[in-house]
Amino acid sequence: LATRYQPLRLGRHGFVIANEVLDCLAHHKIVHGHDGDARVVFVRVTRRGRPLTRATLARALADGAGDIRYREVALPLDAVPGLRLFLARYCPERLGAARPFPAYFACPEMPQLVGAVARLYDIAETVWIDYGERRPFHLRAAEDRRVFAGPPRSQRSVYDAPGRDDITFLVDFSVVEQTAHELGLAVTHWGGQEALARAGSVRLGPAEVEVIAQTRALGWMLDVMGVGPERAWRQGSLTFGRARGRGGALRTGIARDVAEFLGRRPSRFRLLAISSGPSVFRRGAGTRARRTDC
């Protein structure tokens, strides 16, 4: 695949942390076509029965038009250059499938970005942190468990408020693992955030939790008083005490997040580390990445 990411040279040794970067990349929705071949979804947008271009859609959204309609249209994979090659390389299960399958969200830019970051230093460790799972989950889980829009746990569709809602894709970390393997790098950790807490000797006692609470409370109040698409949601999202708002009580939320960070509570917020040298997660050479198939 031709890369749009030009590798830079930052030095001989490095340590890179990429927090919620991969889910921001553009993903293509892959579905099963009536002819048995995989197809890629595009969106046809109309207003009062007339098709909208990107420019006219942007103006209509800015004006707050509420009569916009979105319809998904499945086109041949060749409509996106390089997409068939990406699937053949990273998710061949979605090519020539005999039976209908849940939509798969393919991200051809992911291996390009991972490869470019790996070339920033001669010897380095890169920590990719994001909401995600390996491929077996992506091949069987329902679509609404792998793409989200708007505030957390809002159950909003990506078409409810496009341009205003934040859209998050659950990352297919198998693509990152396979890219590391192809680059000759070692996967030094896959799993929860507790490995980062252990590697950094993090301590989260009452004093540290109080600092988190004060910081979140300040950010919450600034959001409530400010402007933006999520202002109304945030006004009723959290409470300081035990009363339950839509987002729960502030300290209850902090306790949940701390438990997830320390590995005491399950979470899909995952951490994958790849290394070309010594690792803070595993002493020694680490283990080689291997392709993860269903």
C-alpha atoms as a PDB file:
ATOM      1  CA  LEU A   1       0.000   0.000   0.000  1.00  0.00           C
ATOM      2  CA  ALA A   2       1.284   3.437  -0.871  1.00  0.00           C
ATOM      3  CA  THR A   3       1.842   5.367   2.334  1.00  0.00           C
ATOM      4  CA  ARG A   4       0.807   8.934   3.041  1.00  0.00           C
ATOM      5  CA  TYR A   5       2.824   8.966   6.251  1.00  0.00           C
ATOM      6  CA  GLN A   6       6.368  10.083   5.537  1.00  0.00           C
ATOM      7  CA  PRO A   7       8.757   8.595   8.132  1.00  0.00           C
ATOM      8  CA  LEU A   8      10.749  11.057  10.203  1.00  0.00           C
ATOM      9  CA  ARG A   9      13.977  10.448  12.058  1.00  0.00           C
ATOM     10  CA  LEU A  10      13.800  11.656  15.660  1.00  0.00           C
ATOM     11  CA  GLY A  11      16.802   9.880  17.157  1.00  0.00           C
ATOM     12  CA  ARG A  12      18.343   6.566  18.063  1.00  0.00           C
ATOM     13  CA  HIS A  13      16.285   5.725  21.164  1.00  0.00           C
ATOM     14  CA  GLY A  14      12.655   6.536  21.865  1.00  0.00           C
ATOM     15  CA  PHE A  15       9.504   5.711  23.805  1.00  0.00           C
ATOM     16  CA  VAL A  16       6.159   6.578  22.168  1.00  0.00           C
ATOM     17  CA  ILE A  17       2.714   6.574  23.790  1.00  0.00           C
ATOM     18  CA  ALA A  18      -0.268   6.798  21.401  1.00  0.00           C
ATOM     19  CA  ASN A  19      -3.433   7.231  23.461  1.00  0.00           C
ATOM     20  CA  GLU A  20      -6.705   6.907  21.512  1.00  0.00           C
ATOM     21  CA  VAL A  21      -5.096   7.629  18.156  1.00  0.00           C
ATOM     22  CA  LEU A  22      -6.026   4.558  16.109  1.00  0.00           C
ATOM     23  CA  ASP A  23      -9.785   4.896  16.635  1.00  0.00           C
ATOM     24  CA  CYS A  24      -9.656   8.381  15.071  1.00  0.00           C
ATOM     25  CA  LEU A  25      -8.447   7.055  11.710  1.00  0.00           C
ATOM     26  CA  ALA A  26     -10.939   6.673   8.874  1.00  0.00           C
ATOM     27  CA  HIS A  27     -12.583   3.246   8.741  1.00  0.00           C
ATOM     28  CA  HIS A  28     -14.454   1.641   5.834  1.00  0.00           C
ATOM     29  CA  LYS A  29     -17.545  -0.465   6.520  1.00  0.00           C
ATOM     30  CA  ILE A  30     -17.282  -3.857   4.787  1.00  0.00           C
ATOM     31  CA  VAL A  31     -20.471  -5.875   4.234  1.00  0.00           C
ATOM     32  CA  HIS A  32     -21.489  -9.090   2.479  1.00  0.00           C
ATOM     33  CA  GLY A  33     -22.760  -8.466  -1.060  1.00  0.00           C
ATOM     34  CA  HIS A  34     -25.605 -10.307  -2.741  1.00  0.00           C
ATOM     35  CA  ASP A  35     -23.091 -11.738  -5.212  1.00  0.00           C
ATOM     36  CA  GLY A  36     -21.084 -13.260  -2.340  1.00  0.00           C
ATOM     37  CA  ASP A  37     -18.220 -10.775  -2.647  1.00  0.00           C
ATOM     38  CA  ALA A  38     -17.398  -8.280   0.065  1.00  0.00           C
ATOM     39  CA  ARG A  39     -18.490  -4.721  -0.653  1.00  0.00           C
ATOM     40  CA  VAL A  40     -17.702  -1.312   0.813  1.00  0.00           C
ATOM     41  CA  VAL A  41     -20.405   1.004   2.121  1.00  0.00           C
ATOM     42  CA  PHE A  42     -20.827   4.575   0.932  1.00  0.00           C
ATOM     43  CA  VAL A  43     -23.542   6.962   2.120  1.00  0.00           C
ATOM     44  CA  ARG A  44     -26.046   8.645  -0.175  1.00  0.00           C
ATOM     45  CA  VAL A  45     -27.355  11.875   1.371  1.00  0.00           C
ATOM     46  CA  THR A  46     -30.550  13.630   0.302  1.00  0.00           C
ATOM     47  CA  ARG A  47     -32.655  16.555   1.461  1.00  0.00           C
ATOM     48  CA  ARG A  48     -36.261  16.781   0.323  1.00  0.00           C
ATOM     49  CA  GLY A  49     -35.466  14.101  -2.224  1.00  0.00           C
ATOM     50  CA  ARG A  50     -32.513  15.945  -3.776  1.00  0.00           C
ATOM     51  CA  PRO A  51     -28.954  14.573  -3.488  1.00  0.00           C
ATOM     52  CA  LEU A  52     -26.428  16.631  -1.522  1.00  0.00           C
ATOM     53  CA  THR A  53     -22.754  17.083  -2.307  1.00  0.00           C
ATOM     54  CA  ARG A  54     -20.146  17.379   0.443  1.00  0.00           C
ATOM     55  CA  ALA A  55     -20.329  21.175   0.197  1.00  0.00           C
ATOM     56  CA  THR A  56     -24.136  21.410   0.272  1.00  0.00           C
ATOM     57  CA  LEU A  57     -24.282  18.835   3.099  1.00  0.00           C
ATOM     58  CA  ALA A  58     -21.844  20.909   5.163  1.00  0.00           C
ATOM     59  CA  ARG A  59     -23.987  24.020   4.683  1.00  0.00           C
ATOM     60  CA  ALA A  60     -27.185  22.159   5.533  1.00  0.00           C
ATOM     61  CA  LEU A  61     -25.668  20.753   8.724  1.00  0.00           C
ATOM     62  CA  ALA A  62     -24.349  24.192   9.704  1.00  0.00           C
ATOM     63  CA  ASP A  63     -27.848  25.634   9.220  1.00  0.00           C
ATOM     64  CA  GLY A  64     -29.314  22.966  11.495  1.00  0.00           C
ATOM     65  CA  ALA A  65     -31.442  21.346   8.812  1.00  0.00           C
ATOM     66  CA  GLY A  66     -33.437  18.477  10.262  1.00  0.00           C
ATOM     67  CA  ASP A  67     -34.776  16.908   7.065  1.00  0.00           C
ATOM     68  CA  ILE A  68     -31.567  15.271   5.854  1.00  0.00           C
ATOM     69  CA  ARG A  69     -31.776  11.583   4.993  1.00  0.00           C
ATOM     70  CA  TYR A  70     -28.898   9.081   4.901  1.00  0.00           C
ATOM     71  CA  ARG A  71     -28.932   5.799   2.983  1.00  0.00           C
ATOM     72  CA  GLU A  72     -26.109   3.283   2.891  1.00  0.00           C
ATOM     73  CA  VAL A  73     -25.103   1.973  -0.527  1.00  0.00           C
ATOM     74  CA  ALA A  74     -22.813  -1.048  -0.962  1.00  0.00           C
ATOM     75  CA  LEU A  75     -20.292  -0.657  -3.799  1.00  0.00           C
ATOM     76  CA  PRO A  76     -17.564  -2.975  -5.131  1.00  0.00           C
ATOM     77  CA  LEU A  77     -14.361  -2.973  -3.072  1.00  0.00           C
ATOM     78  CA  ASP A  78     -12.450  -1.467  -5.980  1.00  0.00           C
ATOM     79  CA  ALA A  79     -14.289   1.803  -5.325  1.00  0.00           C
ATOM     80  CA  VAL A  80     -11.617   2.374  -2.656  1.00  0.00           C
ATOM     81  CA  PRO A  81      -8.110   1.849  -4.069  1.00  0.00           C
ATOM     82  CA  GLY A  82      -6.063  -0.623  -2.029  1.00  0.00           C
ATOM     83  CA  LEU A  83      -8.997  -1.809   0.093  1.00  0.00           C
ATOM     84  CA  ARG A  84      -9.142  -5.322  -1.406  1.00  0.00           C
ATOM     85  CA  LEU A  85      -5.390  -5.683  -0.889  1.00  0.00           C
ATOM     86  CA  PHE A  86      -5.749  -4.615   2.746  1.00  0.00           C
ATOM     87  CA  LEU A  87      -8.473  -7.199   3.377  1.00  0.00           C
ATOM     88  CA  ALA A  88      -6.519  -9.957   1.652  1.00  0.00           C
ATOM     89  CA  ARG A  89      -3.542  -9.164   3.848  1.00  0.00           C
ATOM     90  CA  TYR A  90      -5.146  -8.450   7.208  1.00  0.00           C
ATOM     91  CA  CYS A  91      -8.653  -9.924   7.163  1.00  0.00           C
ATOM     92  CA  PRO A  92      -9.042 -12.539   4.388  1.00  0.00           C
ATOM     93  CA  GLU A  93     -12.043 -13.979   6.239  1.00  0.00           C
ATOM     94  CA  ARG A  94     -14.122 -11.178   4.724  1.00  0.00           C
ATOM     95  CA  LEU A  95     -13.265 -12.032   1.102  1.00  0.00           C
ATOM     96  CA  GLY A  96     -15.412 -14.617  -0.652  1.00  0.00           C
ATOM     97  CA  ALA A  97     -17.407 -15.508   2.455  1.00  0.00           C
ATOM     98  CA  ALA A  98     -20.219 -17.919   1.586  1.00  0.00           C
ATOM     99  CA  ARG A  99     -22.594 -16.649   4.253  1.00  0.00           C
ATOM    100  CA  PRO A 100     -23.641 -13.152   5.369  1.00  0.00           C
ATOM    101  CA  PHE A 101     -21.438 -11.735   8.106  1.00  0.00           C
ATOM    102  CA  PRO A 102     -21.482  -8.821  10.558  1.00  0.00           C
ATOM    103  CA  ALA A 103     -19.992  -5.675   9.097  1.00  0.00           C
ATOM    104  CA  TYR A 104     -16.214  -5.349   9.463  1.00  0.00           C
ATOM    105  CA  PHE A 105     -14.591  -1.909   9.805  1.00  0.00           C
ATOM    106  CA  ALA A 106     -11.373  -1.866   7.805  1.00  0.00           C
ATOM    107  CA  CYS A 107      -8.709   0.789   8.364  1.00  0.00           C
ATOM    108  CA  PRO A 108      -6.022   0.727   5.626  1.00  0.00           C
ATOM    109  CA  GLU A 109      -4.221   3.673   7.226  1.00  0.00           C
ATOM    110  CA  MET A 110      -3.562   1.749  10.444  1.00  0.00           C
ATOM    111  CA  PRO A 111      -0.573  -0.342   9.241  1.00  0.00           C
ATOM    112  CA  GLN A 112       0.811   2.724   7.470  1.00  0.00           C
ATOM    113  CA  LEU A 113       0.750   4.787  10.656  1.00  0.00           C
ATOM    114  CA  VAL A 114       2.104   1.958  12.835  1.00  0.00           C
ATOM    115  CA  GLY A 115       4.953   1.397  10.368  1.00  0.00           C
ATOM    116  CA  ALA A 116       5.804   5.102  10.167  1.00  0.00           C
ATOM    117  CA  VAL A 117       5.923   5.412  13.974  1.00  0.00           C
ATOM    118  CA  ALA A 118       8.115   2.303  14.206  1.00  0.00           C
ATOM    119  CA  ARG A 119      10.664   4.031  11.977  1.00  0.00           C
ATOM    120  CA  LEU A 120      10.951   7.153  14.130  1.00  0.00           C
ATOM    121  CA  TYR A 121      13.800   5.621  16.143  1.00  0.00           C
ATOM    122  CA  ASP A 122      16.403   2.902  15.672  1.00  0.00           C
ATOM    123  CA  ILE A 123      15.508   1.333  19.012  1.00  0.00           C
ATOM    124  CA  ALA A 124      12.134   2.119  20.548  1.00  0.00           C
ATOM    125  CA  GLU A 125       9.006   0.917  22.246  1.00  0.00           C
ATOM    126  CA  THR A 126       5.594   2.115  21.124  1.00  0.00           C
ATOM    127  CA  VAL A 127       2.529   1.783  23.343  1.00  0.00           C
ATOM    128  CA  TRP A 128      -0.813   1.868  21.517  1.00  0.00           C
ATOM    129  CA  ILE A 129      -3.720   2.452  23.929  1.00  0.00           C
ATOM    130  CA  ASP A 130      -7.319   2.378  22.732  1.00  0.00           C
ATOM    131  CA  TYR A 131     -10.704   0.762  22.970  1.00  0.00           C
ATOM    132  CA  GLY A 132     -10.330  -2.428  20.978  1.00  0.00           C
ATOM    133  CA  GLU A 133     -10.103  -6.191  20.643  1.00  0.00           C
ATOM    134  CA  ARG A 134      -8.437  -8.802  18.486  1.00  0.00           C
ATOM    135  CA  ARG A 135      -9.971  -9.969  15.222  1.00  0.00           C
ATOM    136  CA  PRO A 136     -12.123 -12.894  16.471  1.00  0.00           C
ATOM    137  CA  PHE A 137     -14.244 -10.378  18.384  1.00  0.00           C
ATOM    138  CA  HIS A 138     -14.552  -8.136  15.320  1.00  0.00           C
ATOM    139  CA  LEU A 139     -15.669 -11.043  13.146  1.00  0.00           C
ATOM    140  CA  ARG A 140     -18.558 -12.063  15.375  1.00  0.00           C
ATOM    141  CA  ALA A 141     -19.685  -9.018  17.396  1.00  0.00           C
ATOM    142  CA  ALA A 142     -22.655  -6.916  16.315  1.00  0.00           C
ATOM    143  CA  GLU A 143     -21.966  -3.619  14.571  1.00  0.00           C
ATOM    144  CA  ASP A 144     -23.267  -1.480  17.439  1.00  0.00           C
ATOM    145  CA  ARG A 145     -20.613  -3.021  19.707  1.00  0.00           C
ATOM    146  CA  ARG A 146     -17.811  -1.795  17.440  1.00  0.00           C
ATOM    147  CA  VAL A 147     -18.744   1.736  16.405  1.00  0.00           C
ATOM    148  CA  PHE A 148     -20.146   4.412  18.719  1.00  0.00           C
ATOM    149  CA  ALA A 149     -21.373   7.995  18.376  1.00  0.00           C
ATOM    150  CA  GLY A 150     -21.978  10.774  20.849  1.00  0.00           C
ATOM    151  CA  PRO A 151     -21.573  10.616  24.630  1.00  0.00           C
ATOM    152  CA  PRO A 152     -20.536   7.293  26.209  1.00  0.00           C
ATOM    153  CA  ARG A 153     -23.320   4.719  26.555  1.00  0.00           C
ATOM    154  CA  SER A 154     -25.762   6.988  24.690  1.00  0.00           C
ATOM    155  CA  GLN A 155     -26.735   4.324  22.083  1.00  0.00           C
ATOM    156  CA  ARG A 156     -26.683   7.027  19.414  1.00  0.00           C
ATOM    157  CA  SER A 157     -26.330   6.217  15.725  1.00  0.00           C
ATOM    158  CA  VAL A 158     -23.573   7.745  13.600  1.00  0.00           C
ATOM    159  CA  TYR A 159     -26.392   9.383  11.609  1.00  0.00           C
ATOM    160  CA  ASP A 160     -28.099  11.064  14.577  1.00  0.00           C
ATOM    161  CA  ALA A 161     -25.865  14.158  14.582  1.00  0.00           C
ATOM    162  CA  PRO A 162     -23.022  13.829  12.039  1.00  0.00           C
ATOM    163  CA  GLY A 163     -20.478  16.610  12.342  1.00  0.00           C
ATOM    164  CA  ARG A 164     -21.408  17.142  15.985  1.00  0.00           C
ATOM    165  CA  ASP A 165     -21.168  13.724  17.634  1.00  0.00           C
ATOM    166  CA  ASP A 166     -17.786  12.183  18.290  1.00  0.00           C
ATOM    167  CA  ILE A 167     -17.480   8.850  16.446  1.00  0.00           C
ATOM    168  CA  THR A 168     -15.324   6.072  17.896  1.00  0.00           C
ATOM    169  CA  PHE A 169     -14.324   2.800  16.234  1.00  0.00           C
ATOM    170  CA  LEU A 170     -13.326  -0.205  18.304  1.00  0.00           C
ATOM    171  CA  VAL A 171      -9.771  -0.906  17.106  1.00  0.00           C
ATOM    172  CA  ASP A 172      -8.837  -4.231  15.507  1.00  0.00           C
ATOM    173  CA  PHE A 173      -5.549  -4.739  17.349  1.00  0.00           C
ATOM    174  CA  SER A 174      -4.779  -7.814  15.237  1.00  0.00           C
ATOM    175  CA  VAL A 175      -3.856  -5.419  12.419  1.00  0.00           C
ATOM    176  CA  VAL A 176      -1.303  -3.735  14.705  1.00  0.00           C
ATOM    177  CA  GLU A 177       0.082  -7.103  15.807  1.00  0.00           C
ATOM    178  CA  GLN A 178       0.455  -8.375  12.261  1.00  0.00           C
ATOM    179  CA  THR A 179       2.101  -5.122  11.169  1.00  0.00           C
ATOM    180  CA  ALA A 180       4.609  -5.500  14.016  1.00  0.00           C
ATOM    181  CA  HIS A 181       5.308  -9.062  12.890  1.00  0.00           C
ATOM    182  CA  GLU A 182       5.923  -7.939   9.302  1.00  0.00           C
ATOM    183  CA  LEU A 183       8.337  -5.270  10.551  1.00  0.00           C
ATOM    184  CA  GLY A 184      10.266  -7.811  12.646  1.00  0.00           C
ATOM    185  CA  LEU A 185       9.238  -6.217  15.937  1.00  0.00           C
ATOM    186  CA  ALA A 186       8.275  -7.902  19.207  1.00  0.00           C
ATOM    187  CA  VAL A 187       4.897  -7.607  20.902  1.00  0.00           C
ATOM    188  CA  THR A 188       5.915  -7.008  24.500  1.00  0.00           C
ATOM    189  CA  HIS A 189       2.426  -6.654  25.961  1.00  0.00           C
ATOM    190  CA  TRP A 190      -1.199  -7.148  25.007  1.00  0.00           C
ATOM    191  CA  GLY A 191      -3.986  -6.703  27.496  1.00  0.00           C
ATOM    192  CA  GLY A 192      -5.250  -4.281  30.080  1.00  0.00           C
ATOM    193  CA  GLN A 193      -3.842  -1.035  31.405  1.00  0.00           C
ATOM    194  CA  GLU A 194      -2.582  -2.650  34.584  1.00  0.00           C
ATOM    195  CA  ALA A 195       0.710  -3.409  32.829  1.00  0.00           C
ATOM    196  CA  LEU A 196       1.274   0.334  32.393  1.00  0.00           C
ATOM    197  CA  ALA A 197       0.510   0.891  36.075  1.00  0.00           C
ATOM    198  CA  ARG A 198       2.970  -1.835  37.067  1.00  0.00           C
ATOM    199  CA  ALA A 199       5.686  -0.650  34.700  1.00  0.00           C
ATOM    200  CA  GLY A 200       5.385   2.903  36.008  1.00  0.00           C
ATOM    201  CA  SER A 201       5.050   1.868  39.654  1.00  0.00           C
ATOM    202  CA  VAL A 202       1.846   3.882  39.803  1.00  0.00           C
ATOM    203  CA  ARG A 203       0.237   4.383  43.213  1.00  0.00           C
ATOM    204  CA  LEU A 204      -3.387   5.481  43.393  1.00  0.00           C
ATOM    205  CA  GLY A 205      -4.219   6.153  47.030  1.00  0.00           C
ATOM    206  CA  PRO A 206      -6.795   8.567  48.540  1.00  0.00           C
ATOM    207  CA  ALA A 207      -4.619  11.624  47.861  1.00  0.00           C
ATOM    208  CA  GLU A 208      -4.183  10.760  44.170  1.00  0.00           C
ATOM    209  CA  VAL A 209      -7.898   9.984  43.766  1.00  0.00           C
ATOM    210  CA  GLU A 210      -8.731  13.377  45.311  1.00  0.00           C
ATOM    211  CA  VAL A 211      -6.572  15.124  42.691  1.00  0.00           C
ATOM    212  CA  ILE A 212      -8.401  13.204  39.946  1.00  0.00           C
ATOM    213  CA  ALA A 213     -11.762  14.242  41.437  1.00  0.00           C
ATOM    214  CA  GLN A 214     -10.800  17.921  41.588  1.00  0.00           C
ATOM    215  CA  THR A 215      -9.500  17.887  38.020  1.00  0.00           C
ATOM    216  CA  ARG A 216     -12.598  16.186  36.656  1.00  0.00           C
ATOM    217  CA  ALA A 217     -14.921  18.460  38.585  1.00  0.00           C
ATOM    218  CA  LEU A 218     -13.215  21.523  37.098  1.00  0.00           C
ATOM    219  CA  GLY A 219     -13.379  20.116  33.574  1.00  0.00           C
ATOM    220  CA  TRP A 220     -17.009  19.161  34.086  1.00  0.00           C
ATOM    221  CA  MET A 221     -17.997  22.664  35.227  1.00  0.00           C
ATOM    222  CA  LEU A 222     -16.169  24.291  32.308  1.00  0.00           C
ATOM    223  CA  ASP A 223     -18.021  22.003  29.900  1.00  0.00           C
ATOM    224  CA  VAL A 224     -21.376  22.810  31.482  1.00  0.00           C
ATOM    225  CA  MET A 225     -20.785  26.581  31.294  1.00  0.00           C
ATOM    226  CA  GLY A 226     -19.280  26.456  27.810  1.00  0.00           C
ATOM    227  CA  VAL A 227     -20.783  25.794  24.412  1.00  0.00           C
ATOM    228  CA  GLY A 228     -20.688  22.696  22.275  1.00  0.00           C
ATOM    229  CA  PRO A 229     -22.730  19.733  21.062  1.00  0.00           C
ATOM    230  CA  GLU A 230     -22.435  17.809  24.350  1.00  0.00           C
ATOM    231  CA  ARG A 231     -23.249  20.705  26.701  1.00  0.00           C
ATOM    232  CA  ALA A 232     -26.854  19.628  27.342  1.00  0.00           C
ATOM    233  CA  TRP A 233     -25.770  16.050  27.960  1.00  0.00           C
ATOM    234  CA  ARG A 234     -23.048  17.078  30.390  1.00  0.00           C
ATOM    235  CA  GLN A 235     -25.436  19.275  32.375  1.00  0.00           C
ATOM    236  CA  GLY A 236     -27.263  16.163  33.523  1.00  0.00           C
ATOM    237  CA  SER A 237     -24.528  13.587  33.137  1.00  0.00           C
ATOM    238  CA  LEU A 238     -22.831  13.494  36.533  1.00  0.00           C
ATOM    239  CA  THR A 239     -23.506  14.253  40.167  1.00  0.00           C
ATOM    240  CA  PHE A 240     -21.089  14.872  43.022  1.00  0.00           C
ATOM    241  CA  GLY A 241     -22.937  12.681  45.512  1.00  0.00           C
ATOM    242  CA  ARG A 242     -24.733   9.367  45.430  1.00  0.00           C
ATOM    243  CA  ALA A 243     -27.656  10.478  43.286  1.00  0.00           C
ATOM    244  CA  ARG A 244     -27.353   8.948  39.863  1.00  0.00           C
ATOM    245  CA  GLY A 245     -27.248  11.219  36.822  1.00  0.00           C
ATOM    246  CA  ARG A 246     -27.038   9.860  33.295  1.00  0.00           C
ATOM    247  CA  GLY A 247     -23.307   9.413  33.717  1.00  0.00           C
ATOM    248  CA  GLY A 248     -23.405   8.323  37.359  1.00  0.00           C
ATOM    249  CA  ALA A 249     -21.934   9.998  40.419  1.00  0.00           C
ATOM    250  CA  LEU A 250     -18.532  11.651  39.979  1.00  0.00           C
ATOM    251  CA  ARG A 251     -16.711   9.610  42.603  1.00  0.00           C
ATOM    252  CA  THR A 252     -18.412   6.415  41.475  1.00  0.00           C
ATOM    253  CA  GLY A 253     -17.101   7.024  37.968  1.00  0.00           C
ATOM    254  CA  ILE A 254     -13.601   7.671  39.262  1.00  0.00           C
ATOM    255  CA  ALA A 255     -13.671   4.477  41.311  1.00  0.00           C
ATOM    256  CA  ARG A 256     -14.737   2.541  38.211  1.00  0.00           C
ATOM    257  CA  ASP A 257     -11.967   4.046  36.071  1.00  0.00           C
ATOM    258  CA  VAL A 258      -9.295   3.440  38.715  1.00  0.00           C
ATOM    259  CA  ALA A 259     -10.411  -0.186  39.037  1.00  0.00           C
ATOM    260  CA  GLU A 260     -10.148  -0.615  35.257  1.00  0.00           C
ATOM    261  CA  PHE A 261      -6.713   1.006  35.168  1.00  0.00           C
ATOM    262  CA  LEU A 262      -5.423  -1.314  37.888  1.00  0.00           C
ATOM    263  CA  GLY A 263      -6.941  -4.393  36.248  1.00  0.00           C
ATOM    264  CA  ARG A 264      -9.528  -4.993  38.959  1.00  0.00           C
ATOM    265  CA  ARG A 265     -12.433  -4.514  36.570  1.00  0.00           C
ATOM    266  CA  PRO A 266     -12.797  -5.781  32.963  1.00  0.00           C
ATOM    267  CA  SER A 267     -12.521  -3.199  30.229  1.00  0.00           C
ATOM    268  CA  ARG A 268     -12.129  -3.024  26.454  1.00  0.00           C
ATOM    269  CA  PHE A 269      -9.647  -0.185  26.883  1.00  0.00           C
ATOM    270  CA  ARG A 270      -6.573  -2.136  25.789  1.00  0.00           C
ATOM    271  CA  LEU A 271      -2.846  -1.657  25.625  1.00  0.00           C
ATOM    272  CA  LEU A 272      -0.542  -3.139  22.993  1.00  0.00           C
ATOM    273  CA  ALA A 273       3.196  -2.502  23.145  1.00  0.00           C
ATOM    274  CA  ILE A 274       5.636  -3.290  20.333  1.00  0.00           C
ATOM    275  CA  SER A 275       9.372  -2.992  20.688  1.00  0.00           C
ATOM    276  CA  SER A 276      12.570  -3.098  18.662  1.00  0.00           C
ATOM    277  CA  GLY A 277      14.705  -3.385  21.800  1.00  0.00           C
ATOM    278  CA  PRO A 278      14.447  -3.735  25.590  1.00  0.00           C
ATOM    279  CA  SER A 279      10.937  -3.366  26.983  1.00  0.00           C
ATOM    280  CA  VAL A 280       9.570  -1.750  30.132  1.00  0.00           C
ATOM    281  CA  PHE A 281       6.853  -4.415  30.105  1.00  0.00           C
ATOM    282  CA  ARG A 282       8.986  -7.537  29.724  1.00  0.00           C
ATOM    283  CA  ARG A 283      12.586  -7.830  30.609  1.00  0.00           C
ATOM    284  CA  GLY A 284      14.509  -9.465  27.807  1.00  0.00           C
ATOM    285  CA  ALA A 285      13.734  -9.836  24.148  1.00  0.00           C
ATOM    286  CA  GLY A 286       9.980 -10.264  24.501  1.00  0.00           C
ATOM    287  CA  THR A 287       7.856 -12.436  22.244  1.00  0.00           C
ATOM    288  CA  ARG A 288       7.482 -12.160  18.539  1.00  0.00           C
ATOM    289  CA  ALA A 289       4.172 -10.991  17.208  1.00  0.00           C
ATOM    290  CA  ARG A 290       2.153 -13.599  15.394  1.00  0.00           C
ATOM    291  CA  ARG A 291      -0.824 -13.343  13.124  1.00  0.00           C
ATOM    292  CA  THR A 292      -4.106 -13.769  14.981  1.00  0.00           C
ATOM    293  CA  ASP A 293      -6.684 -15.736  12.999  1.00  0.00           C
ATOM    294  CA  CYS A 294     -10.161 -16.700  13.976  1.00  0.00           C
END
